[in-house]
Amino acid sequence: MPSFKSSGYFAPQYMPGDGVGMALTDFVTLSANPLVNDTLDFRIPAGMEVASIEIDSTRIDTNGAPTLAYQAGYAPIQAETIYSAQPTYFGAASSITVGRVVNGNRAVLNFKPIKFEEDVMLRLTVNANAATFAAGEVRAIIYGSARGVR
């Protein structure tokens, strides 16, 4: 199960002052068709209260009957953590179908806002790989506010 890390995954995340709104944007470049159970991982910094997430993509599945689909959740980064992986917290299995139309498309995920006390990863898990793969990018736009760690 390969894990594709976003371009900024290993870069430190800036946390502004308490209560300040923030938007994190990052992307994964796919040059090979991700298979079922492969993951695309984006870092969410400790202290962020996540209120909205949008997933955007170029057209990755060019088939006339596209099949590419993901689920979205979060997973801890550290071995010793207060969190357990929640693979569908942000989006149920196969509910995210970006990357199937000519201009890609954008999905707005629906979930109860959540604050993280340690760095975690937004994890997109592939539920169905592309019927006809074309290289491209999958972007995550994570909106929330800086609340700080307790």
C-alpha atoms as a PDB file:
ATOM      1  CA  MET A   1       0.000   0.000   0.000  1.00  0.00           C
ATOM      2  CA  PRO A   2       2.027   2.988  -1.216  1.00  0.00           C
ATOM      3  CA  SER A   3       1.560   6.282   0.528  1.00  0.00           C
ATOM      4  CA  PHE A   4       1.893   9.441  -1.566  1.00  0.00           C
ATOM      5  CA  LYS A   5       2.994  12.371   0.633  1.00  0.00           C
ATOM      6  CA  SER A   6       2.011  15.901  -0.335  1.00  0.00           C
ATOM      7  CA  SER A   7       4.635  18.400  -1.476  1.00  0.00           C
ATOM      8  CA  GLY A   8       4.595  20.176   1.904  1.00  0.00           C
ATOM      9  CA  TYR A   9       4.136  17.127   4.121  1.00  0.00           C
ATOM     10  CA  PHE A  10       7.635  17.260   5.614  1.00  0.00           C
ATOM     11  CA  ALA A  11       7.788  21.078   5.840  1.00  0.00           C
ATOM     12  CA  PRO A  12       7.048  22.753   9.177  1.00  0.00           C
ATOM     13  CA  GLN A  13       3.566  24.274   9.366  1.00  0.00           C
ATOM     14  CA  TYR A  14       3.199  27.841  10.596  1.00  0.00           C
ATOM     15  CA  MET A  15       0.609  28.335  13.361  1.00  0.00           C
ATOM     16  CA  PRO A  16      -0.529  31.961  13.631  1.00  0.00           C
ATOM     17  CA  GLY A  17      -1.890  33.578  16.803  1.00  0.00           C
ATOM     18  CA  ASP A  18      -4.857  32.092  18.646  1.00  0.00           C
ATOM     19  CA  GLY A  19      -8.192  32.415  16.862  1.00  0.00           C
ATOM     20  CA  VAL A  20      -6.755  33.534  13.524  1.00  0.00           C
ATOM     21  CA  GLY A  21      -8.407  31.976  10.486  1.00  0.00           C
ATOM     22  CA  MET A  22      -6.158  29.942   8.250  1.00  0.00           C
ATOM     23  CA  ALA A  23      -6.224  28.060   4.960  1.00  0.00           C
ATOM     24  CA  LEU A  24      -3.656  25.387   4.152  1.00  0.00           C
ATOM     25  CA  THR A  25      -3.189  24.325   0.550  1.00  0.00           C
ATOM     26  CA  ASP A  26      -1.050  21.444  -0.603  1.00  0.00           C
ATOM     27  CA  PHE A  27      -0.940  18.926  -3.438  1.00  0.00           C
ATOM     28  CA  VAL A  28       0.150  15.421  -4.407  1.00  0.00           C
ATOM     29  CA  THR A  29       1.459  14.834  -7.921  1.00  0.00           C
ATOM     30  CA  LEU A  30       0.455  11.444  -9.298  1.00  0.00           C
ATOM     31  CA  SER A  31       2.585  10.035 -12.107  1.00  0.00           C
ATOM     32  CA  ALA A  32       1.277   6.473 -11.723  1.00  0.00           C
ATOM     33  CA  ASN A  33      -2.244   5.165 -11.182  1.00  0.00           C
ATOM     34  CA  PRO A  34      -2.829   4.860  -7.427  1.00  0.00           C
ATOM     35  CA  LEU A  35      -4.309   1.474  -6.591  1.00  0.00           C
ATOM     36  CA  VAL A  36      -7.033   0.495  -4.131  1.00  0.00           C
ATOM     37  CA  ASN A  37      -5.902   1.195  -0.522  1.00  0.00           C
ATOM     38  CA  ASP A  38      -3.065   3.522  -1.608  1.00  0.00           C
ATOM     39  CA  THR A  39      -3.128   6.784   0.344  1.00  0.00           C
ATOM     40  CA  LEU A  40      -2.553  10.471  -0.344  1.00  0.00           C
ATOM     41  CA  ASP A  41      -1.414  12.230   2.850  1.00  0.00           C
ATOM     42  CA  PHE A  42      -1.522  15.937   3.763  1.00  0.00           C
ATOM     43  CA  ARG A  43      -0.262  17.316   7.118  1.00  0.00           C
ATOM     44  CA  ILE A  44      -2.621  19.156   9.490  1.00  0.00           C
ATOM     45  CA  PRO A  45      -0.700  21.028  12.225  1.00  0.00           C
ATOM     46  CA  ALA A  46      -1.319  20.685  15.951  1.00  0.00           C
ATOM     47  CA  GLY A  47      -3.645  23.344  17.327  1.00  0.00           C
ATOM     48  CA  MET A  48      -5.738  23.726  14.198  1.00  0.00           C
ATOM     49  CA  GLU A  49      -9.505  23.496  14.409  1.00  0.00           C
ATOM     50  CA  VAL A  50     -10.531  22.180  10.984  1.00  0.00           C
ATOM     51  CA  ALA A  51     -13.905  23.523   9.830  1.00  0.00           C
ATOM     52  CA  SER A  52     -13.914  22.773   6.097  1.00  0.00           C
ATOM     53  CA  ILE A  53     -11.937  20.772   3.557  1.00  0.00           C
ATOM     54  CA  GLU A  54     -12.065  20.911  -0.214  1.00  0.00           C
ATOM     55  CA  ILE A  55     -10.400  18.350  -2.480  1.00  0.00           C
ATOM     56  CA  ASP A  56      -9.581  19.514  -5.993  1.00  0.00           C
ATOM     57  CA  SER A  57      -8.035  17.579  -8.869  1.00  0.00           C
ATOM     58  CA  THR A  58      -6.952  17.686 -12.460  1.00  0.00           C
ATOM     59  CA  ARG A  59      -8.537  15.027 -14.679  1.00  0.00           C
ATOM     60  CA  ILE A  60      -6.842  11.808 -13.563  1.00  0.00           C
ATOM     61  CA  ASP A  61      -9.400   9.287 -14.853  1.00  0.00           C
ATOM     62  CA  THR A  62      -9.972   9.966 -18.561  1.00  0.00           C
ATOM     63  CA  ASN A  63     -12.176   6.937 -19.253  1.00  0.00           C
ATOM     64  CA  GLY A  64     -15.701   7.485 -20.614  1.00  0.00           C
ATOM     65  CA  ALA A  65     -16.926   5.505 -17.586  1.00  0.00           C
ATOM     66  CA  PRO A  66     -14.522   6.745 -14.865  1.00  0.00           C
ATOM     67  CA  THR A  67     -14.141   4.786 -11.649  1.00  0.00           C
ATOM     68  CA  LEU A  68     -11.651   6.773  -9.500  1.00  0.00           C
ATOM     69  CA  ALA A  69     -12.967   7.249  -5.947  1.00  0.00           C
ATOM     70  CA  TYR A  70     -11.608   8.054  -2.484  1.00  0.00           C
ATOM     71  CA  GLN A  71     -12.617   8.240   1.151  1.00  0.00           C
ATOM     72  CA  ALA A  72     -11.202  10.875   3.510  1.00  0.00           C
ATOM     73  CA  GLY A  73     -10.239  10.717   7.147  1.00  0.00           C
ATOM     74  CA  TYR A  74      -7.373  11.436   9.476  1.00  0.00           C
ATOM     75  CA  ALA A  75      -4.536   9.390  10.936  1.00  0.00           C
ATOM     76  CA  PRO A  76      -1.902  10.090  13.575  1.00  0.00           C
ATOM     77  CA  ILE A  77       1.656  10.815  12.521  1.00  0.00           C
ATOM     78  CA  GLN A  78       3.406   9.975  15.791  1.00  0.00           C
ATOM     79  CA  ALA A  79       3.746   6.419  17.116  1.00  0.00           C
ATOM     80  CA  GLU A  80       2.664   7.542  20.596  1.00  0.00           C
ATOM     81  CA  THR A  81      -0.547   9.468  20.023  1.00  0.00           C
ATOM     82  CA  ILE A  82      -3.839  10.461  21.579  1.00  0.00           C
ATOM     83  CA  TYR A  83      -5.658   9.706  18.300  1.00  0.00           C
ATOM     84  CA  SER A  84      -6.691   6.557  16.526  1.00  0.00           C
ATOM     85  CA  ALA A  85      -7.093   6.560  12.765  1.00  0.00           C
ATOM     86  CA  GLN A  86     -10.569   7.604  11.590  1.00  0.00           C
ATOM     87  CA  PRO A  87     -10.445   6.689   7.870  1.00  0.00           C
ATOM     88  CA  THR A  88     -13.886   8.079   6.943  1.00  0.00           C
ATOM     89  CA  TYR A  89     -14.290  11.041   9.333  1.00  0.00           C
ATOM     90  CA  PHE A  90     -14.262  13.611   6.506  1.00  0.00           C
ATOM     91  CA  GLY A  91     -15.852  11.496   3.740  1.00  0.00           C
ATOM     92  CA  ALA A  92     -17.339   7.987   3.481  1.00  0.00           C
ATOM     93  CA  ALA A  93     -15.881   5.259   1.280  1.00  0.00           C
ATOM     94  CA  SER A  94     -16.081   6.103  -2.437  1.00  0.00           C
ATOM     95  CA  SER A  95     -17.849   9.414  -1.712  1.00  0.00           C
ATOM     96  CA  ILE A  96     -15.080  11.580  -3.207  1.00  0.00           C
ATOM     97  CA  THR A  97     -14.951  11.352  -6.979  1.00  0.00           C
ATOM     98  CA  VAL A  98     -12.731  14.277  -8.006  1.00  0.00           C
ATOM     99  CA  GLY A  99     -10.525  13.873 -11.067  1.00  0.00           C
ATOM    100  CA  ARG A 100     -13.156  12.270 -13.272  1.00  0.00           C
ATOM    101  CA  VAL A 101     -14.343  15.148 -15.473  1.00  0.00           C
ATOM    102  CA  VAL A 102     -12.646  17.267 -18.141  1.00  0.00           C
ATOM    103  CA  ASN A 103     -11.649  20.100 -15.786  1.00  0.00           C
ATOM    104  CA  GLY A 104     -11.165  17.825 -12.790  1.00  0.00           C
ATOM    105  CA  ASN A 105     -13.554  19.058 -10.137  1.00  0.00           C
ATOM    106  CA  ARG A 106     -13.789  20.042  -6.498  1.00  0.00           C
ATOM    107  CA  ALA A 107     -15.460  18.254  -3.600  1.00  0.00           C
ATOM    108  CA  VAL A 108     -16.477  20.071  -0.430  1.00  0.00           C
ATOM    109  CA  LEU A 109     -16.388  17.598   2.453  1.00  0.00           C
ATOM    110  CA  ASN A 110     -19.111  17.639   5.121  1.00  0.00           C
ATOM    111  CA  PHE A 111     -18.140  16.855   8.713  1.00  0.00           C
ATOM    112  CA  LYS A 112     -18.356  18.164  12.273  1.00  0.00           C
ATOM    113  CA  PRO A 113     -15.462  20.608  12.921  1.00  0.00           C
ATOM    114  CA  ILE A 114     -12.601  19.037  14.848  1.00  0.00           C
ATOM    115  CA  LYS A 115      -9.542  20.398  16.696  1.00  0.00           C
ATOM    116  CA  PHE A 116      -6.271  18.494  16.678  1.00  0.00           C
ATOM    117  CA  GLU A 117      -3.891  18.602  19.664  1.00  0.00           C
ATOM    118  CA  GLU A 118      -1.007  17.103  17.672  1.00  0.00           C
ATOM    119  CA  ASP A 119      -0.012  16.939  14.016  1.00  0.00           C
ATOM    120  CA  VAL A 120      -2.147  14.473  12.084  1.00  0.00           C
ATOM    121  CA  MET A 121      -2.558  13.714   8.419  1.00  0.00           C
ATOM    122  CA  LEU A 122      -5.562  14.234   6.249  1.00  0.00           C
ATOM    123  CA  ARG A 123      -5.582  10.866   4.494  1.00  0.00           C
ATOM    124  CA  LEU A 124      -7.327  10.184   1.205  1.00  0.00           C
ATOM    125  CA  THR A 125      -7.607   6.445   0.637  1.00  0.00           C
ATOM    126  CA  VAL A 126      -8.222   5.162  -2.885  1.00  0.00           C
ATOM    127  CA  ASN A 127     -11.355   2.976  -2.986  1.00  0.00           C
ATOM    128  CA  ALA A 128     -11.337   2.502  -6.779  1.00  0.00           C
ATOM    129  CA  ASN A 129      -8.412   3.246  -9.068  1.00  0.00           C
ATOM    130  CA  ALA A 130      -8.735   5.127 -12.353  1.00  0.00           C
ATOM    131  CA  ALA A 131     -10.108   3.149 -15.297  1.00  0.00           C
ATOM    132  CA  THR A 132      -7.820   5.109 -17.655  1.00  0.00           C
ATOM    133  CA  PHE A 133      -5.093   6.955 -15.756  1.00  0.00           C
ATOM    134  CA  ALA A 134      -3.582  10.323 -16.735  1.00  0.00           C
ATOM    135  CA  ALA A 135      -0.893  11.983 -14.615  1.00  0.00           C
ATOM    136  CA  GLY A 136      -2.077  14.941 -12.577  1.00  0.00           C
ATOM    137  CA  GLU A 137      -2.458  16.597  -9.183  1.00  0.00           C
ATOM    138  CA  VAL A 138      -4.803  16.181  -6.256  1.00  0.00           C
ATOM    139  CA  ARG A 139      -5.013  19.265  -4.028  1.00  0.00           C
ATOM    140  CA  ALA A 140      -6.315  19.679  -0.495  1.00  0.00           C
ATOM    141  CA  ILE A 141      -7.526  23.040   0.788  1.00  0.00           C
ATOM    142  CA  ILE A 142      -7.986  22.874   4.556  1.00  0.00           C
ATOM    143  CA  TYR A 143      -9.814  25.750   6.273  1.00  0.00           C
ATOM    144  CA  GLY A 144      -9.976  26.402   9.976  1.00  0.00           C
ATOM    145  CA  SER A 145      -8.665  28.504  12.799  1.00  0.00           C
ATOM    146  CA  ALA A 146      -5.582  28.502  14.981  1.00  0.00           C
ATOM    147  CA  ARG A 147      -6.655  27.465  18.475  1.00  0.00           C
ATOM    148  CA  GLY A 148      -3.300  26.325  19.831  1.00  0.00           C
ATOM    149  CA  VAL A 149      -2.594  23.150  21.760  1.00  0.00           C
ATOM    150  CA  ARG A 150      -3.869  22.777  25.284  1.00  0.00           C
END
